[in-house]
Amino acid sequence: MDSTGLKLCGSGEWLEEKHDNKRRRAWRMLHLGIDADAGRIVVSALTDRDVDDGSQVGPLLDQVDGPVPSVTGDGAYDRTASRL
């Protein structure tokens, strides 16, 4: 499991960059679960930027059909309240 930030851009984004118009950008977090053996994404969740990674362990695991033999993630996913 891991996550990355995504900047949301509108249709006029290039005009704002060109004319140096600075404004606050909208961000979202994309949380992914990958099957390490197959090398493919098997679960995902798109959340607001203020949602912590550890809170997404349960919702990501709920998307998996069948048993999950192991889960690996960085320290941001390590919480005592997780369902691991």
PDB file of N, CA and C in Angstrom:
ATOM      1  N   MET A   1       0.837  -1.171   0.000  1.00  0.00           N
ATOM      2  CA  MET A   1       0.000   0.000   0.000  1.00  0.00           C
ATOM      3  C   MET A   1       0.881   1.234   0.000  1.00  0.00           C
ATOM      4  N   ASP A   2       0.416   2.230  -0.713  1.00  0.00           N
ATOM      5  CA  ASP A   2       1.092   3.519  -0.713  1.00  0.00           C
ATOM      6  C   ASP A   2       0.110   4.570  -1.210  1.00  0.00           C
ATOM      7  N   SER A   3       0.498   5.818  -1.117  1.00  0.00           N
ATOM      8  CA  SER A   3      -0.362   6.902  -1.586  1.00  0.00           C
ATOM      9  C   SER A   3       0.484   7.971  -2.258  1.00  0.00           C
ATOM     10  N   THR A   4      -0.194   8.793  -3.028  1.00  0.00           N
ATOM     11  CA  THR A   4       0.455   9.912  -3.681  1.00  0.00           C
ATOM     12  C   THR A   4      -0.529  11.068  -3.767  1.00  0.00           C
ATOM     13  N   GLY A   5      -0.016  12.273  -3.847  1.00  0.00           N
ATOM     14  CA  GLY A   5      -0.864  13.453  -3.975  1.00  0.00           C
ATOM     15  C   GLY A   5      -1.124  13.763  -5.437  1.00  0.00           C
ATOM     16  N   LEU A   6      -2.330  14.205  -5.725  1.00  0.00           N
ATOM     17  CA  LEU A   6      -2.715  14.584  -7.082  1.00  0.00           C
ATOM     18  C   LEU A   6      -3.202  16.021  -7.077  1.00  0.00           C
ATOM     19  N   LYS A   7      -2.651  16.848  -7.953  1.00  0.00           N
ATOM     20  CA  LYS A   7      -3.101  18.230  -8.081  1.00  0.00           C
ATOM     21  C   LYS A   7      -4.224  18.256  -9.107  1.00  0.00           C
ATOM     22  N   LEU A   8      -5.363  18.823  -8.743  1.00  0.00           N
ATOM     23  CA  LEU A   8      -6.492  18.922  -9.657  1.00  0.00           C
ATOM     24  C   LEU A   8      -6.342  20.166 -10.510  1.00  0.00           C
ATOM     25  N   CYS A   9      -6.428  19.989 -11.805  1.00  0.00           N
ATOM     26  CA  CYS A   9      -6.260  21.091 -12.745  1.00  0.00           C
ATOM     27  C   CYS A   9      -7.522  21.256 -13.574  1.00  0.00           C
ATOM     28  N   GLY A  10      -7.879  22.485 -13.813  1.00  0.00           N
ATOM     29  CA  GLY A  10      -9.033  22.776 -14.647  1.00  0.00           C
ATOM     30  C   GLY A  10      -8.617  23.070 -16.076  1.00  0.00           C
ATOM     31  N   SER A  11      -9.588  23.370 -16.896  1.00  0.00           N
ATOM     32  CA  SER A  11      -9.324  23.615 -18.310  1.00  0.00           C
ATOM     33  C   SER A  11      -8.481  24.868 -18.543  1.00  0.00           C
ATOM     34  N   GLY A  12      -8.503  25.821 -17.648  1.00  0.00           N
ATOM     35  CA  GLY A  12      -7.744  27.048 -17.823  1.00  0.00           C
ATOM     36  C   GLY A  12      -6.402  27.047 -17.107  1.00  0.00           C
ATOM     37  N   GLU A  13      -5.943  25.888 -16.684  1.00  0.00           N
ATOM     38  CA  GLU A  13      -4.703  25.789 -15.914  1.00  0.00           C
ATOM     39  C   GLU A  13      -3.505  26.373 -16.657  1.00  0.00           C
ATOM     40  N   TRP A  14      -3.363  26.100 -17.930  1.00  0.00           N
ATOM     41  CA  TRP A  14      -2.200  26.589 -18.681  1.00  0.00           C
ATOM     42  C   TRP A  14      -2.203  28.113 -18.781  1.00  0.00           C
ATOM     43  N   LEU A  15      -3.402  28.734 -18.850  1.00  0.00           N
ATOM     44  CA  LEU A  15      -3.471  30.198 -18.888  1.00  0.00           C
ATOM     45  C   LEU A  15      -2.985  30.806 -17.579  1.00  0.00           C
ATOM     46  N   GLU A  16      -3.356  30.188 -16.481  1.00  0.00           N
ATOM     47  CA  GLU A  16      -2.927  30.683 -15.177  1.00  0.00           C
ATOM     48  C   GLU A  16      -1.419  30.566 -15.029  1.00  0.00           C
ATOM     49  N   GLU A  17      -0.847  29.459 -15.495  1.00  0.00           N
ATOM     50  CA  GLU A  17       0.604  29.283 -15.436  1.00  0.00           C
ATOM     51  C   GLU A  17       1.291  30.316 -16.327  1.00  0.00           C
ATOM     52  N   LYS A  18       0.747  30.530 -17.519  1.00  0.00           N
ATOM     53  CA  LYS A  18       1.345  31.445 -18.492  1.00  0.00           C
ATOM     54  C   LYS A  18       1.367  32.882 -17.961  1.00  0.00           C
ATOM     55  N   HIS A  19       0.285  33.295 -17.316  1.00  0.00           N
ATOM     56  CA  HIS A  19       0.163  34.672 -16.835  1.00  0.00           C
ATOM     57  C   HIS A  19       0.535  34.824 -15.366  1.00  0.00           C
ATOM     58  N   ASP A  20       1.131  33.784 -14.814  1.00  0.00           N
ATOM     59  CA  ASP A  20       1.628  33.807 -13.440  1.00  0.00           C
ATOM     60  C   ASP A  20       0.548  34.184 -12.431  1.00  0.00           C
ATOM     61  N   ASN A  21      -0.637  33.667 -12.648  1.00  0.00           N
ATOM     62  CA  ASN A  21      -1.743  33.896 -11.728  1.00  0.00           C
ATOM     63  C   ASN A  21      -1.719  32.801 -10.668  1.00  0.00           C
ATOM     64  N   LYS A  22      -1.279  33.129  -9.469  1.00  0.00           N
ATOM     65  CA  LYS A  22      -1.167  32.142  -8.397  1.00  0.00           C
ATOM     66  C   LYS A  22      -2.466  32.062  -7.614  1.00  0.00           C
ATOM     67  N   ARG A  23      -2.944  30.854  -7.449  1.00  0.00           N
ATOM     68  CA  ARG A  23      -4.100  30.632  -6.587  1.00  0.00           C
ATOM     69  C   ARG A  23      -3.950  29.272  -5.923  1.00  0.00           C
ATOM     70  N   ARG A  24      -4.710  29.064  -4.908  1.00  0.00           N
ATOM     71  CA  ARG A  24      -4.630  27.809  -4.176  1.00  0.00           C
ATOM     72  C   ARG A  24      -5.155  26.664  -5.033  1.00  0.00           C
ATOM     73  N   ARG A  25      -4.388  25.614  -5.135  1.00  0.00           N
ATOM     74  CA  ARG A  25      -4.752  24.452  -5.936  1.00  0.00           C
ATOM     75  C   ARG A  25      -5.470  23.413  -5.072  1.00  0.00           C
ATOM     76  N   ALA A  26      -6.346  22.667  -5.697  1.00  0.00           N
ATOM     77  CA  ALA A  26      -7.035  21.582  -5.001  1.00  0.00           C
ATOM     78  C   ALA A  26      -6.194  20.309  -5.117  1.00  0.00           C
ATOM     79  N   TRP A  27      -6.058  19.600  -4.011  1.00  0.00           N
ATOM     80  CA  TRP A  27      -5.290  18.365  -3.977  1.00  0.00           C
ATOM     81  C   TRP A  27      -6.154  17.226  -3.474  1.00  0.00           C
ATOM     82  N   ARG A  28      -5.876  16.028  -3.948  1.00  0.00           N
ATOM     83  CA  ARG A  28      -6.503  14.801  -3.460  1.00  0.00           C
ATOM     84  C   ARG A  28      -5.399  13.780  -3.227  1.00  0.00           C
ATOM     85  N   MET A  29      -5.703  12.775  -2.441  1.00  0.00           N
ATOM     86  CA  MET A  29      -4.748  11.694  -2.191  1.00  0.00           C
ATOM     87  C   MET A  29      -5.281  10.419  -2.851  1.00  0.00           C
ATOM     88  N   LEU A  30      -4.420   9.746  -3.585  1.00  0.00           N
ATOM     89  CA  LEU A  30      -4.750   8.474  -4.212  1.00  0.00           C
ATOM     90  C   LEU A  30      -4.018   7.382  -3.455  1.00  0.00           C
ATOM     91  N   HIS A  31      -4.773   6.485  -2.810  1.00  0.00           N
ATOM     92  CA  HIS A  31      -4.223   5.376  -2.045  1.00  0.00           C
ATOM     93  C   HIS A  31      -4.338   4.130  -2.921  1.00  0.00           C
ATOM     94  N   LEU A  32      -3.244   3.384  -3.034  1.00  0.00           N
ATOM     95  CA  LEU A  32      -3.215   2.217  -3.912  1.00  0.00           C
ATOM     96  C   LEU A  32      -2.746   0.984  -3.162  1.00  0.00           C
ATOM     97  N   GLY A  33      -3.309  -0.150  -3.547  1.00  0.00           N
ATOM     98  CA  GLY A  33      -2.846  -1.453  -3.086  1.00  0.00           C
ATOM     99  C   GLY A  33      -2.447  -2.250  -4.311  1.00  0.00           C
ATOM    100  N   ILE A  34      -1.241  -2.779  -4.288  1.00  0.00           N
ATOM    101  CA  ILE A  34      -0.690  -3.471  -5.456  1.00  0.00           C
ATOM    102  C   ILE A  34      -0.419  -4.931  -5.110  1.00  0.00           C
ATOM    103  N   ASP A  35      -0.763  -5.821  -6.029  1.00  0.00           N
ATOM    104  CA  ASP A  35      -0.400  -7.232  -5.916  1.00  0.00           C
ATOM    105  C   ASP A  35       1.064  -7.332  -6.338  1.00  0.00           C
ATOM    106  N   ALA A  36       1.961  -7.563  -5.385  1.00  0.00           N
ATOM    107  CA  ALA A  36       3.397  -7.563  -5.664  1.00  0.00           C
ATOM    108  C   ALA A  36       3.790  -8.669  -6.638  1.00  0.00           C
ATOM    109  N   ASP A  37       3.122  -9.814  -6.579  1.00  0.00           N
ATOM    110  CA  ASP A  37       3.464 -10.921  -7.478  1.00  0.00           C
ATOM    111  C   ASP A  37       3.068 -10.605  -8.920  1.00  0.00           C
ATOM    112  N   ALA A  38       1.874 -10.045  -9.106  1.00  0.00           N
ATOM    113  CA  ALA A  38       1.375  -9.748 -10.453  1.00  0.00           C
ATOM    114  C   ALA A  38       1.825  -8.373 -10.947  1.00  0.00           C
ATOM    115  N   GLY A  39       2.212  -7.488 -10.010  1.00  0.00           N
ATOM    116  CA  GLY A  39       2.630  -6.146 -10.387  1.00  0.00           C
ATOM    117  C   GLY A  39       1.497  -5.285 -10.901  1.00  0.00           C
ATOM    118  N   ARG A  40       0.304  -5.477 -10.345  1.00  0.00           N
ATOM    119  CA  ARG A  40      -0.836  -4.693 -10.811  1.00  0.00           C
ATOM    120  C   ARG A  40      -1.595  -4.098  -9.627  1.00  0.00           C
ATOM    121  N   ILE A  41      -2.270  -2.994  -9.883  1.00  0.00           N
ATOM    122  CA  ILE A  41      -3.096  -2.336  -8.870  1.00  0.00           C
ATOM    123  C   ILE A  41      -4.363  -3.159  -8.675  1.00  0.00           C
ATOM    124  N   VAL A  42      -4.653  -3.512  -7.428  1.00  0.00           N
ATOM    125  CA  VAL A  42      -5.853  -4.314  -7.149  1.00  0.00           C
ATOM    126  C   VAL A  42      -6.906  -3.553  -6.355  1.00  0.00           C
ATOM    127  N   VAL A  43      -6.510  -2.511  -5.617  1.00  0.00           N
ATOM    128  CA  VAL A  43      -7.460  -1.695  -4.860  1.00  0.00           C
ATOM    129  C   VAL A  43      -7.024  -0.237  -4.913  1.00  0.00           C
ATOM    130  N   SER A  44      -7.989   0.663  -4.762  1.00  0.00           N
ATOM    131  CA  SER A  44      -7.663   2.087  -4.763  1.00  0.00           C
ATOM    132  C   SER A  44      -8.727   2.866  -4.008  1.00  0.00           C
ATOM    133  N   ALA A  45      -8.323   4.034  -3.543  1.00  0.00           N
ATOM    134  CA  ALA A  45      -9.248   4.955  -2.879  1.00  0.00           C
ATOM    135  C   ALA A  45      -8.757   6.373  -3.144  1.00  0.00           C
ATOM    136  N   LEU A  46      -9.669   7.260  -3.504  1.00  0.00           N
ATOM    137  CA  LEU A  46      -9.358   8.671  -3.719  1.00  0.00           C
ATOM    138  C   LEU A  46      -9.998   9.456  -2.585  1.00  0.00           C
ATOM    139  N   THR A  47      -9.178  10.186  -1.828  1.00  0.00           N
ATOM    140  CA  THR A  47      -9.675  10.908  -0.652  1.00  0.00           C
ATOM    141  C   THR A  47      -9.234  12.368  -0.701  1.00  0.00           C
ATOM    142  N   ASP A  48      -9.793  13.168   0.201  1.00  0.00           N
ATOM    143  CA  ASP A  48      -9.318  14.533   0.380  1.00  0.00           C
ATOM    144  C   ASP A  48      -7.899  14.494   0.926  1.00  0.00           C
ATOM    145  N   ARG A  49      -7.186  15.580   0.788  1.00  0.00           N
ATOM    146  CA  ARG A  49      -5.779  15.597   1.190  1.00  0.00           C
ATOM    147  C   ARG A  49      -5.575  15.500   2.696  1.00  0.00           C
ATOM    148  N   ASP A  50      -6.596  15.791   3.484  1.00  0.00           N
ATOM    149  CA  ASP A  50      -6.442  15.755   4.934  1.00  0.00           C
ATOM    150  C   ASP A  50      -6.738  14.388   5.549  1.00  0.00           C
ATOM    151  N   VAL A  51      -7.032  13.373   4.742  1.00  0.00           N
ATOM    152  CA  VAL A  51      -7.281  12.022   5.240  1.00  0.00           C
ATOM    153  C   VAL A  51      -5.937  11.314   5.409  1.00  0.00           C
ATOM    154  N   ASP A  52      -5.696  10.753   6.604  1.00  0.00           N
ATOM    155  CA  ASP A  52      -4.403  10.104   6.832  1.00  0.00           C
ATOM    156  C   ASP A  52      -4.379   8.701   6.223  1.00  0.00           C
ATOM    157  N   ASP A  53      -3.174   8.268   5.861  1.00  0.00           N
ATOM    158  CA  ASP A  53      -3.001   6.981   5.192  1.00  0.00           C
ATOM    159  C   ASP A  53      -3.493   5.810   6.033  1.00  0.00           C
ATOM    160  N   GLY A  54      -3.205   5.832   7.316  1.00  0.00           N
ATOM    161  CA  GLY A  54      -3.586   4.722   8.187  1.00  0.00           C
ATOM    162  C   GLY A  54      -5.079   4.454   8.222  1.00  0.00           C
ATOM    163  N   SER A  55      -5.891   5.481   8.062  1.00  0.00           N
ATOM    164  CA  SER A  55      -7.349   5.292   8.091  1.00  0.00           C
ATOM    165  C   SER A  55      -7.859   4.586   6.842  1.00  0.00           C
ATOM    166  N   GLN A  56      -7.027   4.436   5.817  1.00  0.00           N
ATOM    167  CA  GLN A  56      -7.469   3.820   4.567  1.00  0.00           C
ATOM    168  C   GLN A  56      -7.137   2.335   4.470  1.00  0.00           C
ATOM    169  N   VAL A  57      -6.435   1.786   5.465  1.00  0.00           N
ATOM    170  CA  VAL A  57      -6.094   0.362   5.438  1.00  0.00           C
ATOM    171  C   VAL A  57      -7.357  -0.497   5.387  1.00  0.00           C
ATOM    172  N   GLY A  58      -8.295  -0.236   6.271  1.00  0.00           N
ATOM    173  CA  GLY A  58      -9.541  -1.015   6.304  1.00  0.00           C
ATOM    174  C   GLY A  58     -10.337  -0.913   5.017  1.00  0.00           C
ATOM    175  N   PRO A  59     -10.639   0.298   4.544  1.00  0.00           N
ATOM    176  CA  PRO A  59     -11.383   0.423   3.291  1.00  0.00           C
ATOM    177  C   PRO A  59     -10.683  -0.231   2.093  1.00  0.00           C
ATOM    178  N   LEU A  60      -9.359  -0.169   2.044  1.00  0.00           N
ATOM    179  CA  LEU A  60      -8.645  -0.828   0.946  1.00  0.00           C
ATOM    180  C   LEU A  60      -8.743  -2.346   1.062  1.00  0.00           C
ATOM    181  N   LEU A  61      -8.580  -2.866   2.278  1.00  0.00           N
ATOM    182  CA  LEU A  61      -8.683  -4.315   2.469  1.00  0.00           C
ATOM    183  C   LEU A  61     -10.098  -4.823   2.206  1.00  0.00           C
ATOM    184  N   ASP A  62     -11.101  -4.000   2.464  1.00  0.00           N
ATOM    185  CA  ASP A  62     -12.492  -4.388   2.195  1.00  0.00           C
ATOM    186  C   ASP A  62     -12.758  -4.606   0.706  1.00  0.00           C
ATOM    187  N   GLN A  63     -11.934  -4.016  -0.155  1.00  0.00           N
ATOM    188  CA  GLN A  63     -12.115  -4.167  -1.599  1.00  0.00           C
ATOM    189  C   GLN A  63     -11.549  -5.488  -2.135  1.00  0.00           C
ATOM    190  N   VAL A  64     -10.766  -6.195  -1.313  1.00  0.00           N
ATOM    191  CA  VAL A  64     -10.115  -7.427  -1.749  1.00  0.00           C
ATOM    192  C   VAL A  64     -11.042  -8.613  -1.527  1.00  0.00           C
ATOM    193  N   ASP A  65     -11.218  -9.417  -2.585  1.00  0.00           N
ATOM    194  CA  ASP A  65     -11.970 -10.665  -2.455  1.00  0.00           C
ATOM    195  C   ASP A  65     -11.006 -11.769  -2.039  1.00  0.00           C
ATOM    196  N   GLY A  66     -11.307 -12.439  -0.951  1.00  0.00           N
ATOM    197  CA  GLY A  66     -10.447 -13.524  -0.492  1.00  0.00           C
ATOM    198  C   GLY A  66      -9.420 -13.062   0.525  1.00  0.00           C
ATOM    199  N   PRO A  67      -8.592 -14.005   0.957  1.00  0.00           N
ATOM    200  CA  PRO A  67      -7.596 -13.696   1.991  1.00  0.00           C
ATOM    201  C   PRO A  67      -6.442 -12.853   1.454  1.00  0.00           C
ATOM    202  N   VAL A  68      -5.857 -12.067   2.358  1.00  0.00           N
ATOM    203  CA  VAL A  68      -4.671 -11.263   2.048  1.00  0.00           C
ATOM    204  C   VAL A  68      -3.536 -11.832   2.904  1.00  0.00           C
ATOM    205  N   PRO A  69      -2.540 -12.486   2.271  1.00  0.00           N
ATOM    206  CA  PRO A  69      -1.488 -13.132   3.056  1.00  0.00           C
ATOM    207  C   PRO A  69      -0.587 -12.154   3.807  1.00  0.00           C
ATOM    208  N   SER A  70      -0.332 -10.976   3.247  1.00  0.00           N
ATOM    209  CA  SER A  70       0.478  -9.978   3.948  1.00  0.00           C
ATOM    210  C   SER A  70       0.216  -8.601   3.360  1.00  0.00           C
ATOM    211  N   VAL A  71       0.517  -7.594   4.169  1.00  0.00           N
ATOM    212  CA  VAL A  71       0.356  -6.204   3.752  1.00  0.00           C
ATOM    213  C   VAL A  71       1.641  -5.467   4.091  1.00  0.00           C
ATOM    214  N   THR A  72       2.130  -4.687   3.141  1.00  0.00           N
ATOM    215  CA  THR A  72       3.326  -3.878   3.357  1.00  0.00           C
ATOM    216  C   THR A  72       3.001  -2.435   3.007  1.00  0.00           C
ATOM    217  N   GLY A  73       3.426  -1.528   3.845  1.00  0.00           N
ATOM    218  CA  GLY A  73       3.221  -0.110   3.595  1.00  0.00           C
ATOM    219  C   GLY A  73       4.279   0.690   4.326  1.00  0.00           C
ATOM    220  N   ASP A  74       4.391   1.968   4.003  1.00  0.00           N
ATOM    221  CA  ASP A  74       5.368   2.787   4.711  1.00  0.00           C
ATOM    222  C   ASP A  74       4.840   3.146   6.098  1.00  0.00           C
ATOM    223  N   GLY A  75       5.613   3.902   6.841  1.00  0.00           N
ATOM    224  CA  GLY A  75       5.262   4.237   8.213  1.00  0.00           C
ATOM    225  C   GLY A  75       3.960   4.988   8.368  1.00  0.00           C
ATOM    226  N   ALA A  76       3.501   5.669   7.314  1.00  0.00           N
ATOM    227  CA  ALA A  76       2.243   6.416   7.393  1.00  0.00           C
ATOM    228  C   ALA A  76       1.046   5.484   7.562  1.00  0.00           C
ATOM    229  N   TYR A  77       1.168   4.225   7.148  1.00  0.00           N
ATOM    230  CA  TYR A  77       0.083   3.256   7.282  1.00  0.00           C
ATOM    231  C   TYR A  77       0.141   2.494   8.602  1.00  0.00           C
ATOM    232  N   ASP A  78       1.155   2.707   9.401  1.00  0.00           N
ATOM    233  CA  ASP A  78       1.352   1.989  10.646  1.00  0.00           C
ATOM    234  C   ASP A  78       0.598   2.670  11.764  1.00  0.00           C
ATOM    235  N   ARG A  79      -0.528   2.076  12.132  1.00  0.00           N
ATOM    236  CA  ARG A  79      -1.347   2.596  13.235  1.00  0.00           C
ATOM    237  C   ARG A  79      -1.822   1.453  14.085  1.00  0.00           C
ATOM    238  N   THR A  80      -1.990   1.698  15.358  1.00  0.00           N
ATOM    239  CA  THR A  80      -2.485   0.645  16.242  1.00  0.00           C
ATOM    240  C   THR A  80      -3.957   0.386  16.001  1.00  0.00           C
ATOM    241  N   ALA A  81      -4.689   1.351  15.454  1.00  0.00           N
ATOM    242  CA  ALA A  81      -6.113   1.196  15.202  1.00  0.00           C
ATOM    243  C   ALA A  81      -6.398   0.493  13.877  1.00  0.00           C
ATOM    244  N   SER A  82      -5.367   0.190  13.077  1.00  0.00           N
ATOM    245  CA  SER A  82      -5.577  -0.473  11.800  1.00  0.00           C
ATOM    246  C   SER A  82      -6.057  -1.900  12.030  1.00  0.00           C
ATOM    247  N   ARG A  83      -6.700  -2.472  11.018  1.00  0.00           N
ATOM    248  CA  ARG A  83      -7.251  -3.807  11.128  1.00  0.00           C
ATOM    249  C   ARG A  83      -6.272  -4.881  10.683  1.00  0.00           C
ATOM    250  N   LEU A  84      -4.988  -4.635  10.766  1.00  0.00           N
ATOM    251  CA  LEU A  84      -3.991  -5.623  10.330  1.00  0.00           C
ATOM    252  C   LEU A  84      -3.780  -6.677  11.366  1.00  0.00           C
TER     253      LEU A  84
END
